[in-house]
Amino acid sequence: MLSYTRKENPLKKKQSLIALCCKLIRILFAVGTKQVAFSPEKMLRDIPHFRLQNVET
C-alpha cells in the first residue's frame, strides 16, 4: 500500500477521504472511457512524488 502523507499543512480525515475518492473516480473514468485495462505499475509510474521517493531509496 502506498504510504503518502503531507508534512506541511496535512489534510483532516474527511478532506483526505474526499481527495482519495476524487483520485479513484478519475482513474475509473479514464479506464472506462479509454477502454484499457487497469495497470497499477503504470499508475504508480505516473505519480511524480512516488517516482522521486523510489529514486531516493
N, C-alpha and C. Protein backbone atom coordinates (compact mmCIF):
# COMPACT_ATOMS: atom_id res chain seq x y z
N MET A 1 0.84 -1.18 0.00
CA MET A 1 0.00 0.00 0.00
C MET A 1 0.87 1.23 0.00
N LEU A 2 0.51 2.19 -0.76
CA LEU A 2 1.26 3.42 -0.87
C LEU A 2 1.05 4.28 0.36
N SER A 3 2.14 4.64 1.02
CA SER A 3 2.06 5.50 2.19
C SER A 3 2.39 6.92 1.77
N TYR A 4 1.43 7.80 1.85
CA TYR A 4 1.64 9.18 1.40
C TYR A 4 1.06 10.12 2.43
N THR A 5 1.90 10.96 3.00
CA THR A 5 1.43 11.96 3.95
C THR A 5 2.01 13.31 3.58
N ARG A 6 1.29 14.35 3.92
CA ARG A 6 1.76 15.71 3.70
C ARG A 6 2.41 16.17 4.99
N LYS A 7 3.67 16.57 4.92
CA LYS A 7 4.38 17.02 6.11
C LYS A 7 3.90 18.40 6.54
N GLU A 8 3.70 19.28 5.58
CA GLU A 8 3.21 20.63 5.88
C GLU A 8 1.74 20.72 5.52
N ASN A 9 0.96 21.31 6.38
CA ASN A 9 -0.47 21.52 6.15
C ASN A 9 -1.20 20.21 5.84
N PRO A 10 -1.18 19.22 6.74
CA PRO A 10 -1.84 17.94 6.46
C PRO A 10 -3.37 18.11 6.39
N LEU A 11 -3.99 17.25 5.60
CA LEU A 11 -5.43 17.27 5.46
C LEU A 11 -6.08 16.61 6.67
N LYS A 12 -7.29 17.05 6.96
CA LYS A 12 -8.07 16.40 8.01
C LYS A 12 -8.65 15.11 7.44
N LYS A 13 -9.24 14.29 8.30
CA LYS A 13 -9.69 12.96 7.89
C LYS A 13 -10.68 13.01 6.73
N LYS A 14 -11.72 13.83 6.85
CA LYS A 14 -12.73 13.89 5.80
C LYS A 14 -12.16 14.46 4.50
N GLN A 15 -11.28 15.46 4.62
CA GLN A 15 -10.65 16.06 3.43
C GLN A 15 -9.80 15.03 2.70
N SER A 16 -9.06 14.22 3.43
CA SER A 16 -8.22 13.22 2.79
C SER A 16 -9.06 12.13 2.13
N LEU A 17 -10.19 11.76 2.74
CA LEU A 17 -11.08 10.77 2.12
C LEU A 17 -11.67 11.30 0.81
N ILE A 18 -12.06 12.57 0.81
CA ILE A 18 -12.61 13.17 -0.42
C ILE A 18 -11.54 13.22 -1.51
N ALA A 19 -10.30 13.60 -1.15
CA ALA A 19 -9.22 13.65 -2.13
C ALA A 19 -8.95 12.26 -2.71
N LEU A 20 -8.95 11.25 -1.86
CA LEU A 20 -8.72 9.89 -2.32
C LEU A 20 -9.85 9.40 -3.23
N CYS A 21 -11.09 9.72 -2.88
CA CYS A 21 -12.23 9.33 -3.72
C CYS A 21 -12.18 10.02 -5.08
N CYS A 22 -11.77 11.28 -5.10
CA CYS A 22 -11.66 12.00 -6.37
C CYS A 22 -10.62 11.35 -7.28
N LYS A 23 -9.51 10.93 -6.69
CA LYS A 23 -8.48 10.25 -7.48
C LYS A 23 -9.01 8.93 -8.05
N LEU A 24 -9.73 8.19 -7.21
CA LEU A 24 -10.29 6.92 -7.65
C LEU A 24 -11.30 7.13 -8.78
N ILE A 25 -12.14 8.16 -8.66
CA ILE A 25 -13.11 8.46 -9.71
C ILE A 25 -12.41 8.81 -11.02
N ARG A 26 -11.33 9.59 -10.94
CA ARG A 26 -10.60 9.95 -12.16
C ARG A 26 -9.99 8.72 -12.82
N ILE A 27 -9.46 7.81 -12.01
CA ILE A 27 -8.87 6.58 -12.57
C ILE A 27 -9.95 5.73 -13.23
N LEU A 28 -11.07 5.53 -12.54
CA LEU A 28 -12.15 4.71 -13.10
C LEU A 28 -12.75 5.35 -14.36
N PHE A 29 -12.87 6.66 -14.38
CA PHE A 29 -13.40 7.35 -15.55
C PHE A 29 -12.47 7.17 -16.75
N ALA A 30 -11.16 7.32 -16.54
CA ALA A 30 -10.20 7.16 -17.63
C ALA A 30 -10.20 5.72 -18.15
N VAL A 31 -10.24 4.76 -17.25
CA VAL A 31 -10.25 3.35 -17.66
C VAL A 31 -11.53 3.06 -18.46
N GLY A 32 -12.65 3.60 -18.00
CA GLY A 32 -13.91 3.35 -18.70
C GLY A 32 -14.02 4.03 -20.05
N THR A 33 -13.54 5.26 -20.16
CA THR A 33 -13.67 5.98 -21.43
C THR A 33 -12.65 5.54 -22.46
N LYS A 34 -11.45 5.15 -22.02
CA LYS A 34 -10.41 4.74 -22.96
C LYS A 34 -10.44 3.25 -23.25
N GLN A 35 -11.26 2.51 -22.50
CA GLN A 35 -11.40 1.06 -22.70
C GLN A 35 -10.04 0.35 -22.64
N VAL A 36 -9.27 0.63 -21.59
CA VAL A 36 -7.99 -0.03 -21.39
C VAL A 36 -8.02 -0.77 -20.06
N ALA A 37 -7.15 -1.73 -19.92
CA ALA A 37 -7.05 -2.47 -18.66
C ALA A 37 -6.29 -1.62 -17.64
N PHE A 38 -6.69 -1.75 -16.38
CA PHE A 38 -6.03 -1.01 -15.31
C PHE A 38 -4.67 -1.61 -15.04
N SER A 39 -3.65 -0.77 -14.95
CA SER A 39 -2.29 -1.22 -14.67
C SER A 39 -1.75 -0.47 -13.45
N PRO A 40 -1.61 -1.14 -12.31
CA PRO A 40 -1.10 -0.47 -11.11
C PRO A 40 0.32 0.07 -11.30
N GLU A 41 1.15 -0.65 -12.06
CA GLU A 41 2.52 -0.19 -12.28
C GLU A 41 2.53 1.13 -13.05
N LYS A 42 1.69 1.25 -14.06
CA LYS A 42 1.63 2.49 -14.84
C LYS A 42 1.09 3.63 -13.97
N MET A 43 0.10 3.34 -13.13
CA MET A 43 -0.46 4.37 -12.27
C MET A 43 0.61 4.92 -11.32
N LEU A 44 1.37 4.03 -10.70
CA LEU A 44 2.42 4.47 -9.77
C LEU A 44 3.55 5.19 -10.49
N ARG A 45 3.81 4.79 -11.73
CA ARG A 45 4.86 5.45 -12.52
C ARG A 45 4.46 6.87 -12.88
N ASP A 46 3.18 7.15 -13.00
CA ASP A 46 2.69 8.47 -13.39
C ASP A 46 2.59 9.45 -12.23
N ILE A 47 2.86 9.00 -11.00
CA ILE A 47 2.78 9.89 -9.84
C ILE A 47 4.18 10.46 -9.59
N PRO A 48 4.38 11.76 -9.79
CA PRO A 48 5.72 12.35 -9.65
C PRO A 48 6.31 12.15 -8.25
N HIS A 49 5.51 12.31 -7.21
CA HIS A 49 6.02 12.17 -5.84
C HIS A 49 6.51 10.75 -5.59
N PHE A 50 5.78 9.78 -6.08
CA PHE A 50 6.16 8.38 -5.87
C PHE A 50 7.44 8.05 -6.63
N ARG A 51 7.60 8.63 -7.82
CA ARG A 51 8.80 8.41 -8.62
C ARG A 51 10.03 8.93 -7.87
N LEU A 52 9.94 10.12 -7.29
CA LEU A 52 11.05 10.70 -6.54
C LEU A 52 11.37 9.86 -5.31
N GLN A 53 10.35 9.33 -4.67
CA GLN A 53 10.55 8.53 -3.47
C GLN A 53 11.29 7.24 -3.82
N ASN A 54 11.02 6.63 -4.97
CA ASN A 54 11.70 5.41 -5.37
C ASN A 54 13.16 5.68 -5.72
N VAL A 55 13.46 6.83 -6.29
CA VAL A 55 14.82 7.17 -6.65
C VAL A 55 15.67 7.36 -5.40
N GLU A 56 15.10 7.95 -4.36
CA GLU A 56 15.83 8.22 -3.14
C GLU A 56 16.16 6.94 -2.36
N THR A 57 15.34 5.92 -2.46
CA THR A 57 15.58 4.70 -1.68
C THR A 57 16.44 3.72 -2.40
